[in-house]
Amino acid sequence: MIWSNWARTATCSPAGRARPRSEAELAEVVARAAADGRSVRAVGGGHSFTPAATTSGMLLSLDHVSGLERVERLPETGNALVTVGAGVRLHQLNRMLAARGLAMRNLGDIDRQSIAGAISTGTHGTGARLGGLATQVRGLRVIGVDGTVHDVGPGDPLFEASRLGLGTTGVLSAVTLEVVPAYDLVAEERPVPLAEALESLDGPDGVVATSDHFELYFFPVTGRALTLRNTRVEPAPAGRVARARRAARSFLDEELLSNGAFEMVNRLATAFGGLTPRLNAVSARGLSARTYQAPSYQVFCTRRRVRFREMEYAIPRERVRDVITEVDDWLRASGENVPFPIEVRFAAPDDVWLSTAHGRETAYVAVHQYWRLPYTRYFEAAERIFVTAGGRPHWGKLHTRDAGDLAPLYPRFDDAARVRLEHDPEGVFHNRYTRKVLG
């Protein structure tokens, strides 16, 4: 049976598929497949745009390895260590945490990923003082080639290479996260000229430095942007927040990026490419100022129903204005048919070996294209700009870079390779994509 990812950019015909119901069964499946000489890859939500999950060997679903195992409160901080099965989807995890008065410190914007897939590919949110999801990991259980379960934590090389390693050191069976007391976000959305949005980014008084979470979107060639500024506050009574959220939920998320109206816009752009500049102008004019308050996970992430392709690069933060301007200039000059907005987010430096934000203040610039439209020329042009700026490609999004290109960008790249070789000398947990990007 053929497997394909959500974006329909990767397919494979695995020799076997398994949906183990426990860690013990998972370990047995891994050991048996390795002994039979099969490669092993795990898949969660299939939201990686790359062929990260593909295999001709054994394809594992961890959907049944997804329960809540343990909650350990940390009185000194109010935080908690929460251990969950690696296959739990983020929307499930968020509800588990909320029921216990807890929340993830930061999240990305799609809620269908598994926690293992999200951390393994470097999923991140936005916030100049916050890292990606892998920075919230405090422990892992990793199934090795012989079925051994390795329980590892910070400082252990296997932990460092596994918390963001594309599943190449073994199959994750459980993840321990440090989470925080539940909080709400006051979300402020404001349409502004793109030039004004870019001018406001930098400096100690800039919106990036003074916001808990800041991001912006803009529609190509319209010169208009939507800024999103989220402020962390104490939770409000559930009923009031729910009513406010229903009344004022983001037009961008609910109607443009997620729902039917935006699907219709993209279908029109596909059928009548000449309409795209006017469609983008209509979409941009549809952006309006609004403020609402909701539980953090309801603001951070949603289910995306309009299918698209995406490339995202982590750029040194000081280069982001130039990069955005160059991408927009290329779109204006080329006349490329792009009805999807460009997204810009921010992250703090971190110490995760293969994190795209490793050791530097980072801005993420993501380009998207509707799945029925060509994307190659657009993404190639954007990638040239990103690479020239010293960008690191998101491990789960489309790019053309290989290990020779990437190794100089990561100070701990060779350390990660050494750990992989030690724990998987035969390459059981590799596929064509991981060999290309990791060597």
Protein backbone atom coordinates (compact mmCIF):
# COMPACT_ATOMS: atom_id res chain seq x y z
CA MET A 1 0.00 0.00 0.00
CA ILE A 2 1.32 3.44 -0.93
CA TRP A 3 1.83 5.99 1.83
CA SER A 4 1.88 9.74 1.10
CA ASN A 5 2.38 12.77 3.28
CA TRP A 6 -0.15 15.53 3.92
CA ALA A 7 1.33 17.87 1.31
CA ARG A 8 1.54 15.07 -1.28
CA THR A 9 5.21 15.81 -1.87
CA ALA A 10 6.47 12.41 -0.70
CA THR A 11 5.28 8.85 -1.23
CA CYS A 12 6.64 5.38 -0.55
CA SER A 13 5.66 1.73 -0.72
CA PRO A 14 6.88 0.19 2.53
CA ALA A 15 7.45 -3.55 2.68
CA GLY A 16 5.63 -3.62 6.00
CA ARG A 17 3.56 -1.40 8.24
CA ALA A 18 2.89 -1.73 11.96
CA ARG A 19 0.85 0.06 14.60
CA PRO A 20 2.24 -1.25 17.90
CA ARG A 21 0.04 -0.78 20.96
CA SER A 22 2.76 -0.62 23.59
CA GLU A 23 6.42 0.21 24.03
CA ALA A 24 7.21 -3.49 24.40
CA GLU A 25 5.48 -4.30 21.12
CA LEU A 26 7.22 -1.37 19.46
CA ALA A 27 10.62 -2.62 20.63
CA GLU A 28 9.82 -6.09 19.32
CA VAL A 29 8.78 -4.76 15.90
CA VAL A 30 11.94 -2.64 15.60
CA ALA A 31 14.25 -5.50 16.60
CA ARG A 32 12.56 -7.94 14.22
CA ALA A 33 12.67 -5.53 11.28
CA ALA A 34 16.34 -4.74 11.92
CA ALA A 35 17.20 -8.42 12.17
CA ASP A 36 15.44 -8.99 8.83
CA GLY A 37 17.58 -6.28 7.25
CA ARG A 38 14.76 -3.79 6.83
CA SER A 39 15.02 -0.08 7.39
CA VAL A 40 12.66 1.40 9.98
CA ARG A 41 10.96 4.79 9.91
CA ALA A 42 8.22 6.18 12.14
CA VAL A 43 5.49 8.53 10.97
CA GLY A 44 3.15 10.75 12.94
CA GLY A 45 0.87 13.25 11.28
CA GLY A 46 2.74 13.12 7.96
CA HIS A 47 3.06 16.91 8.04
CA SER A 48 6.71 17.00 7.02
CA PHE A 49 6.96 18.34 3.49
CA THR A 50 10.17 16.36 2.91
CA PRO A 51 10.45 12.57 2.47
CA ALA A 52 11.58 12.32 6.11
CA ALA A 53 9.21 9.46 6.91
CA THR A 54 9.48 7.44 3.71
CA THR A 55 10.93 3.95 3.63
CA SER A 56 10.98 0.78 1.57
CA GLY A 57 11.24 -1.18 4.83
CA MET A 58 9.04 -0.96 7.92
CA LEU A 59 6.82 2.09 8.40
CA LEU A 60 5.66 2.53 11.98
CA SER A 61 2.66 4.46 13.22
CA LEU A 62 2.93 5.43 16.89
CA ASP A 63 -0.68 6.55 17.15
CA HIS A 64 -1.35 3.90 19.82
CA VAL A 65 1.79 4.81 21.80
CA SER A 66 0.32 8.09 22.89
CA GLY A 67 -0.88 7.95 26.47
CA LEU A 68 -0.10 10.23 29.41
CA GLU A 69 2.34 8.36 31.66
CA ARG A 70 3.36 10.73 34.42
CA VAL A 71 3.01 14.28 35.73
CA GLU A 72 5.65 15.48 38.20
CA ARG A 73 5.01 18.91 39.67
CA LEU A 74 8.00 21.18 40.28
CA PRO A 75 6.98 23.34 43.27
CA GLU A 76 9.99 25.61 43.01
CA THR A 77 8.92 26.91 39.58
CA GLY A 78 5.26 25.92 39.28
CA ASN A 79 6.20 23.99 36.16
CA ALA A 80 5.80 20.25 35.66
CA LEU A 81 7.56 17.37 33.95
CA VAL A 82 5.06 15.50 31.80
CA THR A 83 5.87 12.18 30.15
CA VAL A 84 3.73 11.13 27.18
CA GLY A 85 3.83 8.46 24.51
CA ALA A 86 5.77 9.69 21.49
CA GLY A 87 2.84 9.31 19.11
CA VAL A 88 0.50 11.74 20.85
CA ARG A 89 -0.71 14.46 18.49
CA LEU A 90 -0.29 18.03 19.59
CA HIS A 91 -4.02 18.73 19.71
CA GLN A 92 -4.42 15.74 22.02
CA LEU A 93 -1.46 16.76 24.15
CA ASN A 94 -2.76 20.30 24.50
CA ARG A 95 -6.09 19.05 25.83
CA MET A 96 -4.33 16.66 28.24
CA LEU A 97 -2.27 19.51 29.62
CA ALA A 98 -5.17 21.97 29.80
CA ALA A 99 -7.20 19.49 31.86
CA ARG A 100 -4.37 19.58 34.42
CA GLY A 101 -3.87 23.34 34.40
CA LEU A 102 -0.72 23.10 32.27
CA ALA A 103 0.47 24.21 28.84
CA MET A 104 3.41 24.05 26.46
CA ARG A 105 5.76 27.00 26.82
CA ASN A 106 5.55 27.64 23.07
CA LEU A 107 3.97 25.91 20.06
CA GLY A 108 4.02 25.92 16.29
CA ASP A 109 0.96 26.73 14.22
CA ILE A 110 -0.27 23.27 13.16
CA ASP A 111 -1.86 20.95 15.71
CA ARG A 112 -1.94 17.61 13.82
CA GLN A 113 1.73 16.68 14.28
CA SER A 114 2.85 14.04 16.77
CA ILE A 115 5.12 15.27 19.54
CA ALA A 116 7.90 12.95 18.30
CA GLY A 117 7.62 14.23 14.74
CA ALA A 118 7.44 17.84 15.85
CA ILE A 119 10.59 17.74 17.97
CA SER A 120 12.49 15.48 15.56
CA THR A 121 12.08 17.91 12.65
CA GLY A 122 12.65 21.13 14.59
CA THR A 123 9.11 22.49 14.84
CA HIS A 124 9.13 25.93 16.46
CA GLY A 125 6.79 28.74 17.31
CA THR A 126 7.60 32.39 17.63
CA GLY A 127 9.05 34.49 20.44
CA ALA A 128 12.46 36.11 20.64
CA ARG A 129 12.94 34.87 24.20
CA LEU A 130 11.76 31.31 23.50
CA GLY A 131 13.15 28.25 21.75
CA GLY A 132 11.53 25.60 19.59
CA LEU A 133 9.73 22.50 20.85
CA ALA A 134 12.97 20.50 21.24
CA THR A 135 14.18 22.96 23.88
CA GLN A 136 11.24 21.92 26.07
CA VAL A 137 12.30 18.24 26.12
CA ARG A 138 13.82 16.95 29.38
CA GLY A 139 13.90 13.22 28.70
CA LEU A 140 13.44 10.61 25.98
CA ARG A 141 13.02 6.89 25.64
CA VAL A 142 14.67 5.69 22.45
CA ILE A 143 14.25 2.20 20.95
CA GLY A 144 17.56 0.95 19.52
CA VAL A 145 18.18 -1.45 16.66
CA ASP A 146 18.10 -4.49 18.96
CA GLY A 147 14.93 -3.38 20.73
CA THR A 148 16.75 -2.01 23.76
CA VAL A 149 14.96 0.91 25.42
CA HIS A 150 17.38 3.74 26.25
CA ASP A 151 16.07 6.17 28.88
CA VAL A 152 18.15 9.32 28.41
CA GLY A 153 18.26 12.91 29.60
CA PRO A 154 20.25 16.13 29.20
CA GLY A 155 23.99 15.63 28.93
CA ASP A 156 23.70 12.14 27.45
CA PRO A 157 24.96 12.24 23.84
CA LEU A 158 22.08 9.99 22.74
CA PHE A 159 19.60 12.51 24.19
CA GLU A 160 21.33 15.43 22.50
CA ALA A 161 21.34 13.66 19.11
CA SER A 162 17.79 12.33 19.47
CA ARG A 163 15.73 15.29 20.65
CA LEU A 164 16.10 16.77 17.17
CA GLY A 165 17.55 14.13 14.87
CA LEU A 166 14.98 13.09 12.27
CA GLY A 167 14.57 9.75 14.02
CA THR A 168 18.00 8.52 12.97
CA THR A 169 19.25 7.36 16.37
CA GLY A 170 16.25 5.11 17.04
CA VAL A 171 12.49 5.25 17.39
CA LEU A 172 11.21 7.54 20.14
CA SER A 173 8.69 5.80 22.38
CA ALA A 174 8.20 8.46 25.08
CA VAL A 175 8.98 12.14 25.58
CA THR A 176 9.28 14.07 28.84
CA LEU A 177 8.49 17.76 28.49
CA GLU A 178 8.87 20.61 30.95
CA VAL A 179 5.57 22.45 30.74
CA VAL A 180 4.30 25.57 32.48
CA PRO A 181 1.12 26.60 34.30
CA ALA A 182 -1.72 27.21 31.85
CA TYR A 183 -1.92 30.74 30.50
CA ASP A 184 -4.00 32.77 28.10
CA LEU A 185 -2.80 34.88 25.23
CA VAL A 186 -4.12 38.30 24.42
CA ALA A 187 -3.84 38.28 20.64
CA GLU A 188 -3.57 41.63 18.88
CA GLU A 189 -3.76 41.58 15.09
CA ARG A 190 -3.11 44.74 13.13
CA PRO A 191 -2.91 45.36 9.37
CA VAL A 192 -0.10 47.76 8.47
CA PRO A 193 1.97 48.65 5.41
CA LEU A 194 4.72 46.08 4.95
CA ALA A 195 7.41 48.77 5.09
CA GLU A 196 6.08 49.94 8.46
CA ALA A 197 6.02 46.38 9.78
CA LEU A 198 9.64 45.82 8.77
CA GLU A 199 10.73 49.15 10.23
CA SER A 200 9.20 48.21 13.61
CA LEU A 201 11.08 44.92 14.02
CA ASP A 202 14.50 45.85 15.35
CA GLY A 203 16.07 47.39 18.41
CA PRO A 204 15.41 47.12 22.14
CA ASP A 205 12.11 48.97 21.67
CA GLY A 206 11.14 47.01 18.56
CA VAL A 207 8.13 44.72 18.45
CA VAL A 208 10.22 41.55 18.40
CA ALA A 209 12.08 42.40 21.61
CA THR A 210 9.04 43.78 23.44
CA SER A 211 6.54 41.03 22.56
CA ASP A 212 6.13 37.62 24.14
CA HIS A 213 5.29 36.27 20.70
CA PHE A 214 5.42 38.26 17.49
CA GLU A 215 4.96 37.26 13.85
CA LEU A 216 3.83 38.82 10.61
CA TYR A 217 2.27 37.74 7.34
CA PHE A 218 2.12 39.54 4.04
CA PHE A 219 0.54 38.81 0.71
CA PRO A 220 3.01 39.07 -2.21
CA VAL A 221 3.15 42.40 -4.05
CA THR A 222 0.33 43.99 -2.03
CA GLY A 223 2.64 45.98 0.25
CA ARG A 224 0.36 45.15 3.19
CA ALA A 225 1.09 42.98 6.20
CA LEU A 226 -0.72 41.65 9.22
CA THR A 227 1.23 41.76 12.49
CA LEU A 228 0.30 39.34 15.27
CA ARG A 229 1.39 40.18 18.80
CA ASN A 230 0.50 37.74 21.58
CA THR A 231 0.89 38.64 25.27
CA ARG A 232 0.87 36.00 28.01
CA VAL A 233 -1.69 36.65 30.77
CA GLU A 234 -3.38 34.75 33.58
CA PRO A 235 -6.23 32.51 32.43
CA ALA A 236 -9.64 34.16 32.37
CA PRO A 237 -12.85 32.34 33.34
CA ALA A 238 -13.42 29.67 30.72
CA GLY A 239 -16.87 30.76 29.64
CA ARG A 240 -15.92 34.37 29.02
CA VAL A 241 -12.84 33.45 27.05
CA ALA A 242 -14.71 30.93 24.94
CA ARG A 243 -17.34 33.50 24.02
CA ALA A 244 -14.69 36.09 23.20
CA ARG A 245 -12.79 33.62 21.07
CA ARG A 246 -15.85 32.64 19.07
CA ALA A 247 -16.65 36.30 18.50
CA ALA A 248 -13.22 37.50 17.49
CA ARG A 249 -11.08 34.57 16.33
CA SER A 250 -8.48 35.47 13.77
CA PHE A 251 -9.81 36.10 10.31
CA LEU A 252 -6.40 35.11 9.00
CA ASP A 253 -6.41 31.71 10.68
CA GLU A 254 -10.07 30.86 10.46
CA GLU A 255 -11.01 32.17 7.05
CA LEU A 256 -7.80 32.63 5.12
CA LEU A 257 -5.24 30.05 6.13
CA SER A 258 -7.49 27.30 7.40
CA ASN A 259 -10.88 27.32 5.85
CA GLY A 260 -13.05 27.30 2.80
CA ALA A 261 -12.81 30.93 1.79
CA PHE A 262 -9.09 30.65 1.25
CA GLU A 263 -9.51 27.37 -0.63
CA MET A 264 -11.82 29.18 -3.02
CA VAL A 265 -9.31 32.01 -3.50
CA ASN A 266 -6.58 29.51 -4.33
CA ARG A 267 -8.77 27.58 -6.76
CA LEU A 268 -9.52 30.84 -8.59
CA ALA A 269 -5.81 31.68 -8.67
CA THR A 270 -5.08 28.24 -10.09
CA ALA A 271 -7.68 28.52 -12.84
CA PHE A 272 -7.10 32.20 -13.65
CA GLY A 273 -3.52 33.11 -12.80
CA GLY A 274 -3.95 36.66 -14.05
CA LEU A 275 -6.39 37.29 -11.21
CA THR A 276 -3.85 36.55 -8.48
CA PRO A 277 -2.62 40.14 -7.86
CA ARG A 278 -6.23 41.27 -7.46
CA LEU A 279 -7.07 38.25 -5.29
CA ASN A 280 -4.08 39.00 -3.07
CA ALA A 281 -5.20 42.60 -2.84
CA VAL A 282 -8.70 41.48 -1.79
CA SER A 283 -7.22 39.07 0.76
CA ALA A 284 -4.94 41.81 2.12
CA ARG A 285 -7.85 44.25 2.40
CA GLY A 286 -9.73 41.55 4.31
CA LEU A 287 -7.18 41.73 7.09
CA SER A 288 -8.57 43.76 9.96
CA ALA A 289 -7.49 44.85 13.41
CA ARG A 290 -8.84 42.73 16.23
CA THR A 291 -8.00 41.70 19.76
CA TYR A 292 -9.15 38.62 21.60
CA GLN A 293 -8.12 36.42 24.51
CA ALA A 294 -8.01 32.63 24.56
CA PRO A 295 -6.07 29.73 26.10
CA SER A 296 -2.56 29.69 24.67
CA TYR A 297 -2.84 26.53 22.59
CA GLN A 298 -6.01 27.79 20.91
CA VAL A 299 -4.16 30.88 19.71
CA PHE A 300 -0.91 29.20 18.79
CA CYS A 301 -2.09 26.39 16.55
CA THR A 302 -4.96 25.24 14.41
CA ARG A 303 -5.81 22.53 11.94
CA ARG A 304 -4.90 23.56 8.40
CA ARG A 305 -7.35 22.37 5.78
CA VAL A 306 -6.06 24.24 2.73
CA ARG A 307 -3.30 22.00 1.40
CA PHE A 308 -0.04 23.71 0.50
CA ARG A 309 3.71 23.26 -0.01
CA GLU A 310 6.21 25.13 2.15
CA MET A 311 9.87 26.08 2.36
CA GLU A 312 11.18 27.75 5.52
CA TYR A 313 14.66 28.93 6.39
CA ALA A 314 16.14 30.09 9.68
CA ILE A 315 17.88 33.38 8.97
CA PRO A 316 20.28 35.31 11.23
CA ARG A 317 17.86 37.79 12.75
CA GLU A 318 19.81 40.84 11.66
CA ARG A 319 19.33 39.80 7.99
CA VAL A 320 15.57 39.36 8.02
CA ARG A 321 14.51 42.75 6.65
CA ASP A 322 16.83 42.43 3.66
CA VAL A 323 15.66 38.87 3.01
CA ILE A 324 11.97 39.79 3.07
CA THR A 325 12.56 42.73 0.77
CA GLU A 326 14.50 40.59 -1.70
CA VAL A 327 11.82 37.90 -1.80
CA ASP A 328 9.08 40.47 -2.34
CA ASP A 329 11.15 42.20 -5.04
CA TRP A 330 11.61 38.87 -6.85
CA LEU A 331 7.87 38.20 -6.75
CA ARG A 332 7.13 41.65 -8.18
CA ALA A 333 9.70 41.24 -10.96
CA SER A 334 8.82 37.66 -11.89
CA GLY A 335 5.03 37.93 -11.82
CA GLU A 336 4.93 34.47 -10.25
CA ASN A 337 1.43 33.24 -9.47
CA VAL A 338 1.50 33.05 -5.64
CA PRO A 339 -1.80 33.46 -3.79
CA PHE A 340 -0.34 32.38 -0.39
CA PRO A 341 1.08 34.78 2.22
CA ILE A 342 4.68 34.78 3.42
CA GLU A 343 5.18 34.15 7.13
CA VAL A 344 7.88 35.59 9.41
CA ARG A 345 8.57 34.38 12.96
CA PHE A 346 11.35 34.65 15.56
CA ALA A 347 13.22 32.46 18.06
CA ALA A 348 15.89 32.68 20.73
CA PRO A 349 19.30 31.05 20.36
CA ASP A 350 19.43 27.50 21.77
CA ASP A 351 21.92 24.69 22.36
CA VAL A 352 20.13 21.82 20.60
CA TRP A 353 22.75 20.24 18.36
CA LEU A 354 20.78 20.30 15.10
CA SER A 355 18.38 23.11 15.88
CA THR A 356 18.03 25.68 13.14
CA ALA A 357 18.31 28.31 15.90
CA HIS A 358 21.48 26.79 17.37
CA GLY A 359 23.68 29.52 18.79
CA ARG A 360 22.12 32.54 17.12
CA GLU A 361 19.14 34.88 17.29
CA THR A 362 16.88 33.69 14.54
CA ALA A 363 14.14 34.83 12.22
CA TYR A 364 12.18 32.27 10.24
CA VAL A 365 10.92 33.17 6.78
CA ALA A 366 8.47 30.73 5.21
CA VAL A 367 7.20 30.75 1.64
CA HIS A 368 4.11 28.74 0.71
CA GLN A 369 2.35 27.70 -2.44
CA TYR A 370 -1.08 26.19 -2.99
CA TRP A 371 -0.65 22.51 -3.74
CA ARG A 372 -2.28 22.64 -7.18
CA LEU A 373 0.13 25.36 -8.40
CA PRO A 374 3.79 25.00 -9.46
CA TYR A 375 6.24 25.91 -6.73
CA THR A 376 9.70 24.98 -8.01
CA ARG A 377 10.74 28.28 -9.61
CA TYR A 378 9.43 30.31 -6.64
CA PHE A 379 11.11 28.14 -4.04
CA GLU A 380 14.39 28.02 -5.98
CA ALA A 381 14.48 31.80 -6.09
CA ALA A 382 13.62 32.12 -2.41
CA GLU A 383 16.21 29.51 -1.48
CA ARG A 384 18.97 31.41 -3.28
CA ILE A 385 18.12 34.46 -1.17
CA PHE A 386 17.93 32.44 2.06
CA VAL A 387 21.23 30.64 1.44
CA THR A 388 23.05 33.86 0.62
CA ALA A 389 21.87 35.22 3.97
CA GLY A 390 23.36 32.23 5.83
CA GLY A 391 20.02 30.46 6.26
CA ARG A 392 19.50 26.97 7.64
CA PRO A 393 16.59 25.03 6.08
CA HIS A 394 13.85 23.67 8.31
CA TRP A 395 14.44 19.90 8.48
CA GLY A 396 10.80 19.12 7.72
CA LYS A 397 10.19 21.58 4.90
CA LEU A 398 11.17 21.62 1.26
CA HIS A 399 14.75 22.51 0.37
CA THR A 400 17.59 21.25 -1.82
CA ARG A 401 20.56 21.38 0.57
CA ASP A 402 22.69 18.34 1.42
CA ALA A 403 25.03 17.31 4.22
CA GLY A 404 27.99 18.99 2.56
CA ASP A 405 26.12 22.29 2.57
CA LEU A 406 24.69 21.90 6.06
CA ALA A 407 27.64 20.60 8.10
CA PRO A 408 29.45 23.98 8.19
CA LEU A 409 26.28 25.62 9.53
CA TYR A 410 26.05 23.44 12.66
CA PRO A 411 28.94 23.37 15.19
CA ARG A 412 27.71 20.01 16.60
CA PHE A 413 26.94 18.37 13.23
CA ASP A 414 29.84 15.91 13.54
CA ASP A 415 28.93 15.05 17.14
CA ALA A 416 25.44 14.08 16.02
CA ALA A 417 26.95 11.92 13.25
CA ARG A 418 29.21 10.17 15.75
CA VAL A 419 26.27 9.26 18.00
CA ARG A 420 24.23 7.98 15.05
CA LEU A 421 27.10 5.75 13.93
CA GLU A 422 27.60 4.43 17.46
CA HIS A 423 23.95 3.46 17.94
CA ASP A 424 23.03 2.50 14.37
CA PRO A 425 26.14 1.42 12.45
CA GLU A 426 24.10 -0.32 9.73
CA GLY A 427 21.84 2.67 9.08
CA VAL A 428 18.60 0.89 9.99
CA PHE A 429 16.92 4.20 10.90
CA HIS A 430 17.96 6.05 7.76
CA ASN A 431 16.29 6.67 4.44
CA ARG A 432 17.34 8.47 1.29
CA TYR A 433 16.43 11.89 2.69
CA THR A 434 18.28 11.51 5.97
CA ARG A 435 21.39 10.26 4.17
CA LYS A 436 21.24 13.27 1.89
CA VAL A 437 20.94 15.88 4.63
CA LEU A 438 22.90 14.21 7.45
CA GLY A 439 25.45 12.17 5.52
